[in-house]
Every structure is written in C-alpha cells, then in structure tokens.
C-alpha cells in the first residue's frame, strides 16, 4: 500500500517538472526551512529541485516522496496567481 502512495505522489509531481515550487521542510529542533526553486526532475525514489541562486548557497536539493508522505516536506507548485499544494491525503 505504501508503494502505491509513493507512486501516486510521484505521478502528481511529474506534470509540474520545469515549474516554480515552494518547499517547506522540517529542519529539526523546531525549525522550518522554506526554499523556492524549479522542480528539475523526478526519479523513481526522489525528486530534484534547482534552487533560486540568490537565496541559497546550494544549487540543488533532493527529497524523497516518502518525505511528502510523512509530512516532513510540503511542496507548493506556483502557477501564475494561484498555488497548488501537493500533499498526500490518507483515504
């Protein structure tokens, strides 16, 4: 069942490759890290985000689909004026 959930998350991200996204990640010790960039690529287990250069010292970061499933990472796709949040909802 978990494999299906991860595949569902991957499929929901794939159409947004090349689009600007916002990431909100758990940084540990009650810290929340917010980053913005472009969804660069999706792979079987991870997705890659190319970060905005002026805001971050890293060029790229990767997260697993399990990070979204466990709510360690929240991904928001920015489309013109509206935002589309990619989350996994337990049915």
PDB file of N, CA and C in Angstrom:
ATOM      1  N   UNK A   1       0.812  -1.194   0.000  1.00  0.00           N
ATOM      2  CA  UNK A   1       0.000   0.000   0.000  1.00  0.00           C
ATOM      3  C   UNK A   1       0.860   1.263   0.000  1.00  0.00           C
ATOM      4  N   UNK A   2       1.969   1.241   0.755  1.00  0.00           N
ATOM      5  CA  UNK A   2       2.845   2.403   0.807  1.00  0.00           C
ATOM      6  C   UNK A   2       3.483   2.670  -0.557  1.00  0.00           C
ATOM      7  N   UNK A   3       3.793   1.593  -1.296  1.00  0.00           N
ATOM      8  CA  UNK A   3       4.367   1.776  -2.625  1.00  0.00           C
ATOM      9  C   UNK A   3       3.401   2.508  -3.548  1.00  0.00           C
ATOM     10  N   UNK A   4       2.121   2.176  -3.445  1.00  0.00           N
ATOM     11  CA  UNK A   4       1.115   2.856  -4.251  1.00  0.00           C
ATOM     12  C   UNK A   4       1.025   4.333  -3.885  1.00  0.00           C
ATOM     13  N   UNK A   5       1.136   4.633  -2.608  1.00  0.00           N
ATOM     14  CA  UNK A   5       1.080   6.025  -2.151  1.00  0.00           C
ATOM     15  C   UNK A   5       2.273   6.808  -2.691  1.00  0.00           C
ATOM     16  N   UNK A   6       3.454   6.220  -2.661  1.00  0.00           N
ATOM     17  CA  UNK A   6       4.647   6.892  -3.175  1.00  0.00           C
ATOM     18  C   UNK A   6       4.548   7.106  -4.681  1.00  0.00           C
ATOM     19  N   UNK A   7       4.017   6.113  -5.384  1.00  0.00           N
ATOM     20  CA  UNK A   7       3.830   6.230  -6.829  1.00  0.00           C
ATOM     21  C   UNK A   7       2.814   7.320  -7.154  1.00  0.00           C
ATOM     22  N   UNK A   8       1.773   7.418  -6.344  1.00  0.00           N
ATOM     23  CA  UNK A   8       0.762   8.453  -6.533  1.00  0.00           C
ATOM     24  C   UNK A   8       1.360   9.856  -6.343  1.00  0.00           C
ATOM     25  N   UNK A   9       2.210  10.009  -5.352  1.00  0.00           N
ATOM     26  CA  UNK A   9       2.876  11.294  -5.120  1.00  0.00           C
ATOM     27  C   UNK A   9       3.792  11.630  -6.289  1.00  0.00           C
ATOM     28  N   UNK A  10       4.557  10.648  -6.760  1.00  0.00           N
ATOM     29  CA  UNK A  10       5.453  10.866  -7.908  1.00  0.00           C
ATOM     30  C   UNK A  10       4.650  11.307  -9.128  1.00  0.00           C
ATOM     31  N   UNK A  11       3.550  10.634  -9.383  1.00  0.00           N
ATOM     32  CA  UNK A  11       2.714  10.972 -10.546  1.00  0.00           C
ATOM     33  C   UNK A  11       2.096  12.364 -10.417  1.00  0.00           C
ATOM     34  N   UNK A  12       1.808  12.796  -9.200  1.00  0.00           N
ATOM     35  CA  UNK A  12       1.239  14.131  -9.026  1.00  0.00           C
ATOM     36  C   UNK A  12       2.290  15.224  -9.227  1.00  0.00           C
ATOM     37  N   UNK A  13       3.563  14.899  -9.027  1.00  0.00           N
ATOM     38  CA  UNK A  13       4.636  15.872  -9.238  1.00  0.00           C
ATOM     39  C   UNK A  13       5.103  15.944 -10.697  1.00  0.00           C
ATOM     40  N   UNK A  14       5.079  14.823 -11.408  1.00  0.00           N
ATOM     41  CA  UNK A  14       5.624  14.748 -12.768  1.00  0.00           C
ATOM     42  C   UNK A  14       5.112  15.833 -13.725  1.00  0.00           C
ATOM     43  N   UNK A  15       3.822  16.163 -13.733  1.00  0.00           N
ATOM     44  CA  UNK A  15       3.365  17.185 -14.683  1.00  0.00           C
ATOM     45  C   UNK A  15       3.904  18.589 -14.382  1.00  0.00           C
ATOM     46  N   UNK A  16       4.496  18.776 -13.225  1.00  0.00           N
ATOM     47  CA  UNK A  16       4.967  20.098 -12.812  1.00  0.00           C
ATOM     48  C   UNK A  16       6.466  20.285 -12.981  1.00  0.00           C
ATOM     49  N   UNK A  17       7.145  19.331 -13.633  1.00  0.00           N
ATOM     50  CA  UNK A  17       8.573  19.471 -13.902  1.00  0.00           C
ATOM     51  C   UNK A  17       8.776  20.732 -14.742  1.00  0.00           C
ATOM     52  N   UNK A  18       9.718  21.572 -14.308  1.00  0.00           N
ATOM     53  CA  UNK A  18      10.001  22.818 -15.007  1.00  0.00           C
ATOM     54  C   UNK A  18       9.261  24.013 -14.421  1.00  0.00           C
ATOM     55  N   UNK A  19       8.391  23.767 -13.454  1.00  0.00           N
ATOM     56  CA  UNK A  19       7.626  24.858 -12.846  1.00  0.00           C
ATOM     57  C   UNK A  19       8.237  25.271 -11.513  1.00  0.00           C
ATOM     58  N   UNK A  20       7.953  26.508 -11.128  1.00  0.00           N
ATOM     59  CA  UNK A  20       8.436  27.038  -9.858  1.00  0.00           C
ATOM     60  C   UNK A  20       7.639  26.411  -8.718  1.00  0.00           C
ATOM     61  N   UNK A  21       8.375  26.005  -7.670  1.00  0.00           N
ATOM     62  CA  UNK A  21       7.733  25.428  -6.500  1.00  0.00           C
ATOM     63  C   UNK A  21       8.301  26.067  -5.229  1.00  0.00           C
ATOM     64  N   UNK A  22       7.529  25.947  -4.170  1.00  0.00           N
ATOM     65  CA  UNK A  22       7.957  26.370  -2.838  1.00  0.00           C
ATOM     66  C   UNK A  22       8.031  25.109  -1.987  1.00  0.00           C
ATOM     67  N   UNK A  23       9.102  24.999  -1.206  1.00  0.00           N
ATOM     68  CA  UNK A  23       9.283  23.863  -0.311  1.00  0.00           C
ATOM     69  C   UNK A  23       9.267  24.349   1.123  1.00  0.00           C
ATOM     70  N   UNK A  24       8.596  23.615   1.961  1.00  0.00           N
ATOM     71  CA  UNK A  24       8.641  23.867   3.396  1.00  0.00           C
ATOM     72  C   UNK A  24       9.054  22.545   4.024  1.00  0.00           C
ATOM     73  N   UNK A  25      10.249  22.522   4.619  1.00  0.00           N
ATOM     74  CA  UNK A  25      10.805  21.282   5.147  1.00  0.00           C
ATOM     75  C   UNK A  25      11.070  21.398   6.640  1.00  0.00           C
ATOM     76  N   UNK A  26      10.959  20.275   7.309  1.00  0.00           N
ATOM     77  CA  UNK A  26      11.275  20.193   8.723  1.00  0.00           C
ATOM     78  C   UNK A  26      12.785  20.206   8.856  1.00  0.00           C
ATOM     79  N   UNK A  27      13.328  21.223   9.529  1.00  0.00           N
ATOM     80  CA  UNK A  27      14.772  21.350   9.696  1.00  0.00           C
ATOM     81  C   UNK A  27      15.275  20.779  11.003  1.00  0.00           C
ATOM     82  N   UNK A  28      14.398  20.189  11.797  1.00  0.00           N
ATOM     83  CA  UNK A  28      14.809  19.639  13.084  1.00  0.00           C
ATOM     84  C   UNK A  28      14.818  20.715  14.157  1.00  0.00           C
ATOM     85  N   UNK A  29      14.709  20.292  15.384  1.00  0.00           N
ATOM     86  CA  UNK A  29      14.711  21.207  16.528  1.00  0.00           C
ATOM     87  C   UNK A  29      13.780  22.394  16.345  1.00  0.00           C
ATOM     88  N   UNK A  30      12.574  22.084  15.925  1.00  0.00           N
ATOM     89  CA  UNK A  30      11.513  23.082  15.747  1.00  0.00           C
ATOM     90  C   UNK A  30      11.831  24.151  14.707  1.00  0.00           C
ATOM     91  N   UNK A  31      12.687  23.825  13.766  1.00  0.00           N
ATOM     92  CA  UNK A  31      12.999  24.747  12.673  1.00  0.00           C
ATOM     93  C   UNK A  31      12.249  24.322  11.419  1.00  0.00           C
ATOM     94  N   UNK A  32      11.790  25.303  10.681  1.00  0.00           N
ATOM     95  CA  UNK A  32      11.165  25.048   9.391  1.00  0.00           C
ATOM     96  C   UNK A  32      11.981  25.780   8.337  1.00  0.00           C
ATOM     97  N   UNK A  33      12.393  25.059   7.314  1.00  0.00           N
ATOM     98  CA  UNK A  33      13.191  25.638   6.236  1.00  0.00           C
ATOM     99  C   UNK A  33      12.281  25.869   5.045  1.00  0.00           C
ATOM    100  N   UNK A  34      12.274  27.092   4.535  1.00  0.00           N
ATOM    101  CA  UNK A  34      11.486  27.410   3.341  1.00  0.00           C
ATOM    102  C   UNK A  34      12.444  27.730   2.200  1.00  0.00           C
ATOM    103  N   UNK A  35      12.201  27.085   1.072  1.00  0.00           N
ATOM    104  CA  UNK A  35      13.043  27.266  -0.112  1.00  0.00           C
ATOM    105  C   UNK A  35      12.154  27.401  -1.336  1.00  0.00           C
ATOM    106  N   UNK A  36      12.666  28.068  -2.348  1.00  0.00           N
ATOM    107  CA  UNK A  36      11.944  28.154  -3.611  1.00  0.00           C
ATOM    108  C   UNK A  36      12.897  27.791  -4.733  1.00  0.00           C
ATOM    109  N   UNK A  37      12.337  27.258  -5.794  1.00  0.00           N
ATOM    110  CA  UNK A  37      13.146  26.865  -6.934  1.00  0.00           C
ATOM    111  C   UNK A  37      12.275  26.253  -8.007  1.00  0.00           C
ATOM    112  N   UNK A  38      12.917  25.528  -8.910  1.00  0.00           N
ATOM    113  CA  UNK A  38      12.232  24.900 -10.026  1.00  0.00           C
ATOM    114  C   UNK A  38      12.335  23.390  -9.872  1.00  0.00           C
ATOM    115  N   UNK A  39      11.202  22.715 -10.022  1.00  0.00           N
ATOM    116  CA  UNK A  39      11.201  21.253  -9.999  1.00  0.00           C
ATOM    117  C   UNK A  39      11.935  20.785 -11.245  1.00  0.00           C
ATOM    118  N   UNK A  40      13.125  20.238 -11.045  1.00  0.00           N
ATOM    119  CA  UNK A  40      14.003  19.931 -12.171  1.00  0.00           C
ATOM    120  C   UNK A  40      13.776  18.539 -12.758  1.00  0.00           C
ATOM    121  N   UNK A  41      13.587  17.535 -11.890  1.00  0.00           N
ATOM    122  CA  UNK A  41      13.479  16.165 -12.388  1.00  0.00           C
ATOM    123  C   UNK A  41      12.810  15.284 -11.341  1.00  0.00           C
ATOM    124  N   UNK A  42      12.097  14.270 -11.808  1.00  0.00           N
ATOM    125  CA  UNK A  42      11.556  13.257 -10.904  1.00  0.00           C
ATOM    126  C   UNK A  42      12.204  11.919 -11.263  1.00  0.00           C
ATOM    127  N   UNK A  43      12.604  11.192 -10.253  1.00  0.00           N
ATOM    128  CA  UNK A  43      13.208   9.873 -10.398  1.00  0.00           C
ATOM    129  C   UNK A  43      12.342   8.870  -9.642  1.00  0.00           C
ATOM    130  N   UNK A  44      12.640   7.580  -9.753  1.00  0.00           N
ATOM    131  CA  UNK A  44      11.790   6.587  -9.088  1.00  0.00           C
ATOM    132  C   UNK A  44      11.621   6.795  -7.573  1.00  0.00           C
ATOM    133  N   UNK A  45      12.644   7.278  -6.891  1.00  0.00           N
ATOM    134  CA  UNK A  45      12.548   7.417  -5.436  1.00  0.00           C
ATOM    135  C   UNK A  45      12.657   8.846  -4.923  1.00  0.00           C
ATOM    136  N   UNK A  46      13.182   9.755  -5.740  1.00  0.00           N
ATOM    137  CA  UNK A  46      13.422  11.133  -5.300  1.00  0.00           C
ATOM    138  C   UNK A  46      13.032  12.128  -6.373  1.00  0.00           C
ATOM    139  N   UNK A  47      12.908  13.396  -5.961  1.00  0.00           N
ATOM    140  CA  UNK A  47      12.738  14.474  -6.921  1.00  0.00           C
ATOM    141  C   UNK A  47      13.781  15.545  -6.629  1.00  0.00           C
ATOM    142  N   UNK A  48      14.218  16.242  -7.678  1.00  0.00           N
ATOM    143  CA  UNK A  48      15.296  17.222  -7.594  1.00  0.00           C
ATOM    144  C   UNK A  48      14.717  18.617  -7.812  1.00  0.00           C
ATOM    145  N   UNK A  49      15.154  19.557  -6.975  1.00  0.00           N
ATOM    146  CA  UNK A  49      14.733  20.944  -7.089  1.00  0.00           C
ATOM    147  C   UNK A  49      15.971  21.811  -7.278  1.00  0.00           C
ATOM    148  N   UNK A  50      15.977  22.608  -8.343  1.00  0.00           N
ATOM    149  CA  UNK A  50      17.050  23.572  -8.567  1.00  0.00           C
ATOM    150  C   UNK A  50      16.634  24.864  -7.857  1.00  0.00           C
ATOM    151  N   UNK A  51      17.402  25.239  -6.841  1.00  0.00           N
ATOM    152  CA  UNK A  51      17.031  26.374  -6.002  1.00  0.00           C
ATOM    153  C   UNK A  51      17.343  27.705  -6.662  1.00  0.00           C
ATOM    154  N   UNK A  52      16.596  28.742  -6.270  1.00  0.00           N
ATOM    155  CA  UNK A  52      16.885  30.095  -6.732  1.00  0.00           C
ATOM    156  C   UNK A  52      18.271  30.479  -6.224  1.00  0.00           C
ATOM    157  N   UNK A  53      19.140  30.922  -7.126  1.00  0.00           N
ATOM    158  CA  UNK A  53      20.542  31.154  -6.787  1.00  0.00           C
ATOM    159  C   UNK A  53      20.755  32.268  -5.772  1.00  0.00           C
ATOM    160  N   UNK A  54      20.001  33.357  -5.865  1.00  0.00           N
ATOM    161  CA  UNK A  54      20.254  34.487  -4.985  1.00  0.00           C
ATOM    162  C   UNK A  54      19.835  34.219  -3.541  1.00  0.00           C
ATOM    163  N   UNK A  55      19.023  33.212  -3.311  1.00  0.00           N
ATOM    164  CA  UNK A  55      18.527  32.962  -1.961  1.00  0.00           C
ATOM    165  C   UNK A  55      19.279  31.868  -1.209  1.00  0.00           C
ATOM    166  N   UNK A  56      19.965  30.970  -1.903  1.00  0.00           N
ATOM    167  CA  UNK A  56      20.508  29.796  -1.237  1.00  0.00           C
ATOM    168  C   UNK A  56      21.934  29.506  -1.672  1.00  0.00           C
ATOM    169  N   UNK A  57      22.697  28.913  -0.764  1.00  0.00           N
ATOM    170  CA  UNK A  57      24.071  28.566  -1.089  1.00  0.00           C
ATOM    171  C   UNK A  57      24.157  27.251  -1.866  1.00  0.00           C
ATOM    172  N   UNK A  58      23.130  26.389  -1.745  1.00  0.00           N
ATOM    173  CA  UNK A  58      23.100  25.144  -2.510  1.00  0.00           C
ATOM    174  C   UNK A  58      22.474  25.405  -3.872  1.00  0.00           C
ATOM    175  N   UNK A  59      22.895  24.653  -4.879  1.00  0.00           N
ATOM    176  CA  UNK A  59      22.287  24.798  -6.196  1.00  0.00           C
ATOM    177  C   UNK A  59      21.096  23.871  -6.381  1.00  0.00           C
ATOM    178  N   UNK A  60      21.211  22.652  -5.840  1.00  0.00           N
ATOM    179  CA  UNK A  60      20.152  21.661  -5.995  1.00  0.00           C
ATOM    180  C   UNK A  60      19.946  20.914  -4.677  1.00  0.00           C
ATOM    181  N   UNK A  61      18.717  20.518  -4.462  1.00  0.00           N
ATOM    182  CA  UNK A  61      18.399  19.655  -3.317  1.00  0.00           C
ATOM    183  C   UNK A  61      17.515  18.525  -3.815  1.00  0.00           C
ATOM    184  N   UNK A  62      17.539  17.426  -3.102  1.00  0.00           N
ATOM    185  CA  UNK A  62      16.663  16.304  -3.457  1.00  0.00           C
ATOM    186  C   UNK A  62      15.896  15.880  -2.218  1.00  0.00           C
ATOM    187  N   UNK A  63      14.687  15.443  -2.455  1.00  0.00           N
ATOM    188  CA  UNK A  63      13.831  14.919  -1.399  1.00  0.00           C
ATOM    189  C   UNK A  63      13.188  13.642  -1.912  1.00  0.00           C
ATOM    190  N   UNK A  64      12.836  12.773  -0.993  1.00  0.00           N
ATOM    191  CA  UNK A  64      12.154  11.544  -1.392  1.00  0.00           C
ATOM    192  C   UNK A  64      10.649  11.769  -1.332  1.00  0.00           C
ATOM    193  N   UNK A  65       9.919  10.933  -2.025  1.00  0.00           N
ATOM    194  CA  UNK A  65       8.461  11.004  -1.997  1.00  0.00           C
ATOM    195  C   UNK A  65       7.953  10.625  -0.606  1.00  0.00           C
ATOM    196  N   UNK A  66       8.734   9.813   0.112  1.00  0.00           N
ATOM    197  CA  UNK A  66       8.381   9.456   1.487  1.00  0.00           C
ATOM    198  C   UNK A  66       8.397  10.686   2.395  1.00  0.00           C
ATOM    199  N   UNK A  67       9.233  11.684   2.072  1.00  0.00           N
ATOM    200  CA  UNK A  67       9.246  12.926   2.850  1.00  0.00           C
ATOM    201  C   UNK A  67       7.898  13.639   2.760  1.00  0.00           C
ATOM    202  N   UNK A  68       7.279  13.586   1.600  1.00  0.00           N
ATOM    203  CA  UNK A  68       5.954  14.187   1.439  1.00  0.00           C
ATOM    204  C   UNK A  68       4.918  13.333   2.166  1.00  0.00           C
ATOM    205  N   UNK A  69       5.041  12.024   2.031  1.00  0.00           N
ATOM    206  CA  UNK A  69       4.101  11.103   2.661  1.00  0.00           C
ATOM    207  C   UNK A  69       4.093  11.260   4.184  1.00  0.00           C
ATOM    208  N   UNK A  70       5.271  11.431   4.774  1.00  0.00           N
ATOM    209  CA  UNK A  70       5.390  11.564   6.224  1.00  0.00           C
ATOM    210  C   UNK A  70       5.245  13.009   6.690  1.00  0.00           C
ATOM    211  N   UNK A  71       4.956  13.893   5.757  1.00  0.00           N
ATOM    212  CA  UNK A  71       4.746  15.316   6.029  1.00  0.00           C
ATOM    213  C   UNK A  71       5.991  16.019   6.568  1.00  0.00           C
ATOM    214  N   UNK A  72       7.179  15.496   6.224  1.00  0.00           N
ATOM    215  CA  UNK A  72       8.430  16.174   6.558  1.00  0.00           C
ATOM    216  C   UNK A  72       8.686  17.322   5.592  1.00  0.00           C
ATOM    217  N   UNK A  73       8.114  17.199   4.381  1.00  0.00           N
ATOM    218  CA  UNK A  73       8.262  18.221   3.349  1.00  0.00           C
ATOM    219  C   UNK A  73       6.886  18.532   2.784  1.00  0.00           C
ATOM    220  N   UNK A  74       6.633  19.811   2.579  1.00  0.00           N
ATOM    221  CA  UNK A  74       5.398  20.264   1.946  1.00  0.00           C
ATOM    222  C   UNK A  74       5.796  20.985   0.656  1.00  0.00           C
ATOM    223  N   UNK A  75       5.209  20.583  -0.450  1.00  0.00           N
ATOM    224  CA  UNK A  75       5.523  21.159  -1.759  1.00  0.00           C
ATOM    225  C   UNK A  75       4.324  21.954  -2.256  1.00  0.00           C
ATOM    226  N   UNK A  76       4.578  23.189  -2.674  1.00  0.00           N
ATOM    227  CA  UNK A  76       3.535  24.022  -3.254  1.00  0.00           C
ATOM    228  C   UNK A  76       3.986  24.442  -4.640  1.00  0.00           C
ATOM    229  N   UNK A  77       3.193  24.122  -5.645  1.00  0.00           N
ATOM    230  CA  UNK A  77       3.500  24.490  -7.023  1.00  0.00           C
ATOM    231  C   UNK A  77       2.898  25.864  -7.292  1.00  0.00           C
ATOM    232  N   UNK A  78       3.722  26.795  -7.782  1.00  0.00           N
ATOM    233  CA  UNK A  78       3.263  28.156  -8.060  1.00  0.00           C
ATOM    234  C   UNK A  78       2.862  28.247  -9.531  1.00  0.00           C
ATOM    235  N   UNK A  79       1.598  28.525  -9.768  1.00  0.00           N
ATOM    236  CA  UNK A  79       1.086  28.664 -11.130  1.00  0.00           C
ATOM    237  C   UNK A  79       0.438  30.032 -11.244  1.00  0.00           C
ATOM    238  N   UNK A  80       1.083  30.960 -11.937  1.00  0.00           N
ATOM    239  CA  UNK A  80       0.584  32.318 -12.103  1.00  0.00           C
ATOM    240  C   UNK A  80       0.191  32.900 -10.744  1.00  0.00           C
ATOM    241  N   UNK A  81      -1.063  33.201 -10.555  1.00  0.00           N
ATOM    242  CA  UNK A  81      -1.533  33.810  -9.317  1.00  0.00           C
ATOM    243  C   UNK A  81      -1.946  32.782  -8.262  1.00  0.00           C
ATOM    244  N   UNK A  82      -2.217  31.560  -8.687  1.00  0.00           N
ATOM    245  CA  UNK A  82      -2.709  30.583  -7.726  1.00  0.00           C
ATOM    246  C   UNK A  82      -1.632  29.575  -7.369  1.00  0.00           C
ATOM    247  N   UNK A  83      -1.802  28.938  -6.245  1.00  0.00           N
ATOM    248  CA  UNK A  83      -0.866  27.931  -5.783  1.00  0.00           C
ATOM    249  C   UNK A  83      -1.581  26.596  -5.680  1.00  0.00           C
ATOM    250  N   UNK A  84      -0.868  25.541  -6.046  1.00  0.00           N
ATOM    251  CA  UNK A  84      -1.410  24.190  -5.961  1.00  0.00           C
ATOM    252  C   UNK A  84      -0.531  23.412  -5.007  1.00  0.00           C
ATOM    253  N   UNK A  85      -1.083  22.971  -3.919  1.00  0.00           N
ATOM    254  CA  UNK A  85      -0.303  22.263  -2.899  1.00  0.00           C
ATOM    255  C   UNK A  85      -0.336  20.770  -3.190  1.00  0.00           C
ATOM    256  N   UNK A  86       0.836  20.155  -3.229  1.00  0.00           N
ATOM    257  CA  UNK A  86       0.947  18.713  -3.454  1.00  0.00           C
ATOM    258  C   UNK A  86       1.068  18.053  -2.084  1.00  0.00           C
ATOM    259  N   UNK A  87       0.029  17.379  -1.684  1.00  0.00           N
ATOM    260  CA  UNK A  87       0.050  16.675  -0.415  1.00  0.00           C
ATOM    261  C   UNK A  87      -0.558  15.297  -0.622  1.00  0.00           C
ATOM    262  N   UNK A  88      -0.270  14.408   0.270  1.00  0.00           N
ATOM    263  CA  UNK A  88      -0.873  13.083   0.214  1.00  0.00           C
ATOM    264  C   UNK A  88      -1.935  13.028   1.288  1.00  0.00           C
ATOM    265  N   UNK A  89      -3.122  12.669   0.891  1.00  0.00           N
ATOM    266  CA  UNK A  89      -4.228  12.555   1.830  1.00  0.00           C
ATOM    267  C   UNK A  89      -4.522  11.093   2.077  1.00  0.00           C
ATOM    268  N   UNK A  90      -4.509  10.690   3.324  1.00  0.00           N
ATOM    269  CA  UNK A  90      -4.863   9.302   3.666  1.00  0.00           C
ATOM    270  C   UNK A  90      -6.353   9.125   3.444  1.00  0.00           C
ATOM    271  N   UNK A  91      -6.723   8.143   2.635  1.00  0.00           N
ATOM    272  CA  UNK A  91      -8.134   7.902   2.319  1.00  0.00           C
ATOM    273  C   UNK A  91      -8.773   7.032   3.360  1.00  0.00           C
TER     274      UNK A  91
END
